[in-house]
Amino acid sequence: MKSIYLLLALFAIMALAACGRAPQGGTPAAAAPFATFTVKSVELTDAVETPGTVIGSEHAELASRNGGRVTRVAITAGQRVARGALLLEVDPAAGEAAVAAAAARAAAARADADQAERDFQRYDSLYKEQAVSVHEFEEVRDRRETSTAAAQAADSALAATRTELGYAVMRAPFAGVVAAKNVRTGDYAAPGAALIVLDGGRPQVETQVGEALLAATHLGEAVSVTVGAQSYSAHVVERVAAADPVTRTHLVKLDLPADAKVASGAYASVAFPLAQRTALVVPSSALLQRAGLNGVFVVNADGVAAFRLVRAGAAQGGLTEILAGLAAGERVVSAPGPDFDNGTRVAPAGPHG
């Protein structure tokens, strides 16, 4: 088996060597108009990428406090709503009846308290004139205090009942976009279950990071975030020291530019920068395979291109790091294409030369 692999490797090297021989004899071919790139050293920043989710700086998961049958849904997912806009109703009939009953009790208690106050004012005058006994005056006074307290309790009960009714009518706590709608008219809303997710404010990204990456991340730090095909410069605005008990990761929030055109809930890739280092790079388009081996076409001093094996590293921003096989200052063909061949004469310099 080892002999077969050695033969295959030998055939590949022989094929590359045969391709590397320039044409013999005849008039030299005219230089082809291929762009070239001068190999150079650049500063690369190593990064750790984590998945994230686009949210709003104002984020709310709205639930029904008491539960019940959903009688109306006034919004759709993705809709933009104003602060205070009606979102949905959860069977308000029972709550409305309770409010009406509480209002009747509060009105009766207030009427009784008003009558007790009038009685007290009258008896107070009579008492000062010594027209009523101390006992009669104290009874009227005590009734005033009792009825006043009862009226106040009835008003508090009415306010609480109205608050409960308020939970049946769900409104937007801030202006934003309906990121999720988890309910339809006729559904039963369980108490505490998230029915609507609302995002507002400026766009942000949430991501989870490990302990070591959290320690290397700082508030205000600029971080590259990619959403779809668009990249943005975001800034770290929140680092949560407490780890998630299940994933053992930490929440990090980043502010995107205020004008970023991103959808709430969209997937984001967050690239946290680490150490910087110097590396040789070439355009990623300069790399191609011949006989199953990676290489580039290097242009010599006479303008003749020859295929050379290289060891490539990571790609970033249209450039690929070269770990071995090239030296700074050498020229390579920027985009040779699959039909480019050894011995092709290349113009002295291209637009990137």
Protein backbone atom coordinates (compact mmCIF):
# COMPACT_ATOMS: atom_id res chain seq x y z
CA MET A 1 0.00 0.00 0.00
CA LYS A 2 2.84 2.41 0.88
CA SER A 3 4.37 1.73 -2.55
CA ILE A 4 1.13 2.78 -4.26
CA TYR A 5 1.08 6.09 -2.31
CA LEU A 6 4.74 6.72 -3.17
CA LEU A 7 4.03 6.09 -6.86
CA LEU A 8 1.04 8.46 -6.82
CA ALA A 9 3.10 11.19 -5.14
CA LEU A 10 5.91 10.64 -7.66
CA PHE A 11 3.48 10.93 -10.59
CA ALA A 12 2.08 14.19 -9.13
CA ILE A 13 5.55 15.68 -8.73
CA MET A 14 6.49 14.59 -12.26
CA ALA A 15 3.32 16.17 -13.62
CA LEU A 16 4.07 19.43 -11.87
CA ALA A 17 7.66 19.33 -13.05
CA ALA A 18 6.53 18.72 -16.63
CA CYS A 19 4.10 21.64 -16.37
CA GLY A 20 6.86 23.81 -14.92
CA ARG A 21 9.09 23.64 -17.99
CA ALA A 22 8.87 26.78 -20.07
CA PRO A 23 8.34 26.40 -23.82
CA GLN A 24 11.59 25.63 -25.71
CA GLY A 25 12.72 27.50 -28.82
CA GLY A 26 10.74 29.87 -31.00
CA THR A 27 9.81 33.45 -30.35
CA PRO A 28 8.88 34.25 -26.74
CA ALA A 29 5.13 34.62 -26.30
CA ALA A 30 3.71 38.06 -25.69
CA ALA A 31 2.99 38.94 -22.06
CA ALA A 32 -0.58 38.11 -21.05
CA PRO A 33 -2.62 40.86 -19.31
CA PHE A 34 -3.00 39.07 -15.99
CA ALA A 35 -3.09 41.09 -12.78
CA THR A 36 -0.42 40.25 -10.24
CA PHE A 37 -0.01 40.72 -6.52
CA THR A 38 3.20 41.36 -4.61
CA VAL A 39 3.43 39.06 -1.60
CA LYS A 40 3.57 41.18 1.54
CA SER A 41 3.44 40.96 5.30
CA VAL A 42 0.36 42.31 7.02
CA GLU A 43 -0.94 42.45 10.59
CA LEU A 44 -3.63 39.79 11.11
CA THR A 45 -5.88 39.59 14.13
CA ASP A 46 -6.81 36.16 15.36
CA ALA A 47 -10.46 35.97 16.35
CA VAL A 48 -12.86 33.61 18.08
CA GLU A 49 -16.31 33.39 16.48
CA THR A 50 -19.48 32.76 18.46
CA PRO A 51 -23.10 32.54 17.27
CA GLY A 52 -25.47 35.30 18.30
CA THR A 53 -29.01 36.60 17.87
CA VAL A 54 -30.19 40.07 16.89
CA ILE A 55 -32.47 41.68 19.51
CA GLY A 56 -33.51 45.21 20.45
CA SER A 57 -32.00 47.18 23.33
CA GLU A 58 -35.57 47.18 24.68
CA HIS A 59 -36.77 43.58 24.77
CA ALA A 60 -39.95 42.22 26.38
CA GLU A 61 -41.61 38.83 26.48
CA LEU A 62 -45.24 39.61 27.25
CA ALA A 63 -47.44 37.12 29.09
CA SER A 64 -50.93 36.95 30.54
CA ARG A 65 -50.90 37.16 34.33
CA ASN A 66 -54.19 35.37 34.93
CA GLY A 67 -54.59 33.34 31.73
CA GLY A 68 -57.79 32.75 29.81
CA ARG A 69 -59.19 32.46 26.32
CA VAL A 70 -57.66 34.85 23.79
CA THR A 71 -60.52 36.86 22.30
CA ARG A 72 -58.54 39.21 20.06
CA VAL A 73 -55.07 39.42 18.50
CA ALA A 74 -54.49 42.87 17.01
CA ILE A 75 -50.98 42.47 15.56
CA THR A 76 -48.91 40.25 13.26
CA ALA A 77 -45.31 39.09 13.54
CA GLY A 78 -42.89 41.65 12.14
CA GLN A 79 -45.33 44.53 12.60
CA ARG A 80 -44.03 47.84 14.00
CA VAL A 81 -46.18 49.17 16.85
CA ALA A 82 -46.30 52.39 18.84
CA ARG A 83 -46.05 52.64 22.61
CA GLY A 84 -49.42 51.79 24.15
CA ALA A 85 -50.75 50.07 21.02
CA LEU A 86 -53.24 47.24 21.59
CA LEU A 87 -51.61 43.84 21.12
CA LEU A 88 -54.22 41.33 22.29
CA GLU A 89 -57.09 40.70 24.71
CA VAL A 90 -57.53 37.71 26.99
CA ASP A 91 -61.28 37.21 27.75
CA PRO A 92 -61.93 40.58 29.46
CA ALA A 93 -65.62 39.81 30.20
CA ALA A 94 -65.01 38.36 33.67
CA GLY A 95 -62.61 41.17 34.53
CA GLU A 96 -65.05 43.83 33.34
CA ALA A 97 -67.81 42.33 35.49
CA ALA A 98 -65.49 42.31 38.50
CA VAL A 99 -64.60 45.97 37.89
CA ALA A 100 -68.29 46.90 37.65
CA ALA A 101 -69.05 45.14 40.95
CA ALA A 102 -66.06 46.71 42.68
CA ALA A 103 -67.06 50.14 41.37
CA ALA A 104 -70.57 49.71 42.79
CA ARG A 105 -69.17 48.73 46.18
CA ALA A 106 -66.76 51.68 46.13
CA ALA A 107 -69.59 54.11 45.26
CA ALA A 108 -71.77 52.79 48.09
CA ALA A 109 -68.90 53.02 50.57
CA ARG A 110 -68.08 56.55 49.46
CA ALA A 111 -71.74 57.59 49.82
CA ASP A 112 -71.83 56.12 53.31
CA ALA A 113 -68.59 57.92 54.21
CA ASP A 114 -69.97 61.23 52.90
CA GLN A 115 -73.12 60.81 54.99
CA ALA A 116 -71.04 59.95 58.05
CA GLU A 117 -68.97 63.09 57.48
CA ARG A 118 -72.11 65.26 57.32
CA ASP A 119 -73.46 63.65 60.47
CA PHE A 120 -70.20 64.28 62.26
CA GLN A 121 -70.12 67.95 61.27
CA ARG A 122 -73.68 68.37 62.59
CA TYR A 123 -73.01 66.54 65.86
CA ASP A 124 -69.77 68.41 66.32
CA SER A 125 -71.66 71.69 66.35
CA LEU A 126 -74.30 70.28 68.68
CA TYR A 127 -71.65 68.89 71.02
CA LYS A 128 -69.96 72.27 71.26
CA GLU A 129 -73.35 73.72 72.22
CA GLN A 130 -73.77 70.85 74.72
CA ALA A 131 -76.92 69.80 72.90
CA VAL A 132 -75.82 66.12 72.67
CA SER A 133 -74.11 63.84 75.11
CA VAL A 134 -70.48 62.80 74.96
CA HIS A 135 -71.55 59.25 74.19
CA GLU A 136 -73.69 60.31 71.20
CA PHE A 137 -70.87 62.48 69.84
CA GLU A 138 -68.29 59.68 70.15
CA GLU A 139 -70.58 57.23 68.35
CA VAL A 140 -70.95 59.60 65.38
CA ARG A 141 -67.24 60.30 65.38
CA ASP A 142 -66.35 56.58 65.39
CA ARG A 143 -68.85 55.91 62.59
CA ARG A 144 -67.17 58.61 60.48
CA GLU A 145 -63.73 57.03 60.96
CA THR A 146 -65.04 53.55 60.20
CA SER A 147 -66.91 54.57 57.08
CA THR A 148 -63.96 56.63 55.80
CA ALA A 149 -61.67 53.63 56.21
CA ALA A 150 -64.19 51.39 54.45
CA ALA A 151 -64.44 53.84 51.53
CA GLN A 152 -60.66 53.91 51.20
CA ALA A 153 -60.54 50.10 51.23
CA ALA A 154 -63.24 49.92 48.57
CA ASP A 155 -61.33 52.41 46.37
CA SER A 156 -58.18 50.30 46.74
CA ALA A 157 -60.10 47.15 45.82
CA LEU A 158 -61.51 48.90 42.76
CA ALA A 159 -58.02 49.99 41.69
CA ALA A 160 -56.71 46.45 42.12
CA THR A 161 -59.60 45.04 40.10
CA ARG A 162 -58.94 47.53 37.32
CA THR A 163 -55.27 46.52 37.37
CA GLU A 164 -56.29 42.89 36.99
CA LEU A 165 -58.47 43.87 34.04
CA GLY A 166 -55.46 45.65 32.58
CA TYR A 167 -53.65 42.32 32.38
CA ALA A 168 -56.42 41.02 30.13
CA VAL A 169 -55.79 43.85 27.65
CA MET A 170 -52.15 43.66 26.60
CA ARG A 171 -50.54 46.84 25.23
CA ALA A 172 -47.05 47.62 23.96
CA PRO A 173 -44.83 48.92 26.81
CA PHE A 174 -42.62 50.71 24.24
CA ALA A 175 -42.44 51.36 20.52
CA GLY A 176 -40.89 48.48 18.62
CA VAL A 177 -41.29 45.49 16.33
CA VAL A 178 -43.25 42.33 17.10
CA ALA A 179 -40.41 39.82 17.02
CA ALA A 180 -42.64 36.81 17.74
CA LYS A 181 -46.36 36.08 18.08
CA ASN A 182 -47.01 32.77 19.81
CA VAL A 183 -50.80 32.90 20.02
CA ARG A 184 -53.93 33.03 17.87
CA THR A 185 -57.50 34.14 18.56
CA GLY A 186 -59.29 31.34 20.39
CA ASP A 187 -56.16 29.89 21.98
CA TYR A 188 -55.98 29.42 25.73
CA ALA A 189 -53.27 31.63 27.24
CA ALA A 190 -51.68 29.90 30.20
CA PRO A 191 -50.65 32.26 33.03
CA GLY A 192 -47.02 33.36 32.58
CA ALA A 193 -46.57 31.86 29.10
CA ALA A 194 -44.87 34.26 26.65
CA LEU A 195 -47.44 35.27 24.07
CA ILE A 196 -45.69 38.13 22.27
CA VAL A 197 -42.02 39.11 22.04
CA LEU A 198 -41.44 42.82 21.41
CA ASP A 199 -38.11 44.40 20.43
CA GLY A 200 -37.45 48.13 20.41
CA GLY A 201 -34.64 50.65 20.75
CA ARG A 202 -31.38 50.26 18.88
CA PRO A 203 -30.36 46.88 17.43
CA GLN A 204 -28.18 44.67 19.57
CA VAL A 205 -26.69 41.18 19.42
CA GLU A 206 -26.70 38.67 22.25
CA THR A 207 -24.09 35.91 22.34
CA GLN A 208 -22.83 33.36 24.85
CA VAL A 209 -19.09 33.04 25.53
CA GLY A 210 -16.87 30.88 27.68
CA GLU A 211 -15.15 32.07 30.83
CA ALA A 212 -11.75 32.64 29.17
CA LEU A 213 -13.25 34.70 26.35
CA LEU A 214 -15.32 36.72 28.82
CA ALA A 215 -12.14 37.61 30.71
CA ALA A 216 -10.54 38.83 27.46
CA THR A 217 -13.59 40.95 26.53
CA HIS A 218 -13.99 44.53 27.75
CA LEU A 219 -16.85 47.02 27.82
CA GLY A 220 -16.68 49.40 24.86
CA GLU A 221 -14.49 47.02 22.85
CA ALA A 222 -15.08 47.04 19.09
CA VAL A 223 -16.11 43.64 17.72
CA SER A 224 -16.92 42.56 14.16
CA VAL A 225 -20.46 41.21 13.77
CA THR A 226 -21.79 39.65 10.57
CA VAL A 227 -25.53 39.43 9.91
CA GLY A 228 -26.37 37.86 6.57
CA ALA A 229 -23.91 39.22 4.02
CA GLN A 230 -23.29 42.48 5.92
CA SER A 231 -20.58 43.10 8.50
CA TYR A 232 -20.82 45.74 11.22
CA SER A 233 -18.56 47.19 13.88
CA ALA A 234 -20.34 46.58 17.18
CA HIS A 235 -19.38 47.53 20.72
CA VAL A 236 -19.63 45.48 23.90
CA VAL A 237 -22.19 47.09 26.23
CA GLU A 238 -22.88 44.31 28.74
CA ARG A 239 -20.94 41.40 30.23
CA VAL A 240 -22.74 39.05 32.62
CA ALA A 241 -20.36 37.58 35.18
CA ALA A 242 -22.83 34.91 36.31
CA ALA A 243 -22.66 31.79 34.14
CA ASP A 244 -25.67 29.97 32.77
CA PRO A 245 -26.07 26.93 35.05
CA VAL A 246 -26.73 24.62 32.08
CA THR A 247 -24.28 25.78 29.39
CA ARG A 248 -21.68 27.30 31.75
CA THR A 249 -21.40 30.25 29.38
CA HIS A 250 -21.77 33.99 29.93
CA LEU A 251 -24.06 36.47 28.19
CA VAL A 252 -22.46 39.31 26.24
CA LYS A 253 -24.49 42.08 24.57
CA LEU A 254 -23.20 44.28 21.78
CA ASP A 255 -24.62 47.48 20.29
CA LEU A 256 -24.93 47.49 16.50
CA PRO A 257 -24.94 50.80 14.61
CA ALA A 258 -28.28 52.57 15.09
CA ASP A 259 -28.91 52.50 11.32
CA ALA A 260 -28.10 48.79 10.88
CA LYS A 261 -30.73 47.13 8.70
CA VAL A 262 -31.15 43.86 10.60
CA ALA A 263 -34.20 41.81 11.48
CA SER A 264 -34.94 40.97 15.09
CA GLY A 265 -34.19 37.32 15.74
CA ALA A 266 -31.71 37.05 12.84
CA TYR A 267 -28.60 34.88 13.20
CA ALA A 268 -25.36 36.79 13.80
CA SER A 269 -21.73 35.71 13.81
CA VAL A 270 -19.62 37.55 16.40
CA ALA A 271 -15.82 37.64 15.91
CA PHE A 272 -14.02 38.57 19.14
CA PRO A 273 -10.47 39.81 18.40
CA LEU A 274 -7.55 38.17 20.18
CA ALA A 275 -3.79 38.58 19.54
CA GLN A 276 -2.28 40.28 16.48
CA ARG A 277 0.50 38.71 14.42
CA THR A 278 2.44 39.31 11.21
CA ALA A 279 1.74 37.00 8.27
CA LEU A 280 2.32 36.72 4.52
CA VAL A 281 -0.87 36.95 2.45
CA VAL A 282 -1.99 36.59 -1.14
CA PRO A 283 -5.42 37.07 -2.72
CA SER A 284 -7.57 34.02 -2.10
CA SER A 285 -8.22 33.94 -5.86
CA ALA A 286 -4.51 33.31 -6.46
CA LEU A 287 -4.71 29.86 -4.88
CA LEU A 288 -5.66 26.84 -6.98
CA GLN A 289 -5.03 23.13 -7.11
CA ARG A 290 -2.92 21.20 -9.57
CA ALA A 291 -2.66 17.43 -9.30
CA GLY A 292 -4.50 17.70 -5.98
CA LEU A 293 -1.90 20.04 -4.49
CA ASN A 294 -2.37 23.69 -3.43
CA GLY A 295 -0.20 26.31 -5.05
CA VAL A 296 0.12 29.68 -6.75
CA PHE A 297 1.71 30.89 -9.98
CA VAL A 298 4.85 32.85 -9.15
CA VAL A 299 6.12 35.35 -11.73
CA ASN A 300 9.91 35.50 -12.05
CA ALA A 301 12.10 38.44 -13.01
CA ASP A 302 11.60 37.64 -16.72
CA GLY A 303 7.81 37.76 -16.36
CA VAL A 304 7.33 34.00 -16.69
CA ALA A 305 4.85 32.30 -14.39
CA ALA A 306 5.57 28.94 -12.76
CA PHE A 307 3.39 26.91 -10.41
CA ARG A 308 4.74 26.59 -6.88
CA LEU A 309 3.40 24.50 -4.01
CA VAL A 310 2.40 26.47 -0.88
CA ARG A 311 0.87 25.75 2.47
CA ALA A 312 -2.16 27.96 2.99
CA GLY A 313 -3.67 29.15 6.25
CA ALA A 314 -6.88 30.92 7.12
CA ALA A 315 -8.70 33.28 4.77
CA GLN A 316 -9.85 36.71 5.90
CA GLY A 317 -11.24 39.62 3.90
CA GLY A 318 -10.41 38.11 0.50
CA LEU A 319 -6.82 37.35 1.50
CA THR A 320 -5.32 33.99 2.47
CA GLU A 321 -2.39 33.52 4.80
CA ILE A 322 0.59 31.63 3.35
CA LEU A 323 2.36 29.52 5.95
CA ALA A 324 5.13 28.17 3.71
CA GLY A 325 6.30 28.33 0.09
CA LEU A 326 6.54 32.09 -0.58
CA ALA A 327 8.67 35.03 0.49
CA ALA A 328 7.77 38.69 0.85
CA GLY A 329 8.33 40.65 -2.35
CA GLU A 330 7.60 37.79 -4.77
CA ARG A 331 4.90 38.34 -7.39
CA VAL A 332 1.99 35.95 -7.91
CA VAL A 333 -0.80 35.90 -10.47
CA SER A 334 -3.87 37.30 -8.69
CA ALA A 335 -6.52 35.19 -10.45
CA PRO A 336 -4.93 32.66 -12.83
CA GLY A 337 -8.04 30.57 -13.47
CA PRO A 338 -8.16 26.81 -14.14
CA ASP A 339 -6.65 27.06 -17.66
CA PHE A 340 -3.62 29.11 -16.71
CA ASP A 341 -0.41 27.19 -17.42
CA ASN A 342 3.25 27.18 -16.55
CA GLY A 343 5.45 29.24 -18.83
CA THR A 344 2.83 31.91 -19.45
CA ARG A 345 4.44 35.31 -19.78
CA VAL A 346 2.81 37.93 -17.56
CA ALA A 347 2.90 41.70 -17.86
CA PRO A 348 5.54 43.32 -15.60
CA ALA A 349 2.94 44.54 -13.13
CA GLY A 350 -0.81 44.37 -12.66
CA PRO A 351 -3.06 46.77 -10.81
CA HIS A 352 -2.12 45.11 -7.51
CA GLY A 353 1.51 44.61 -8.30
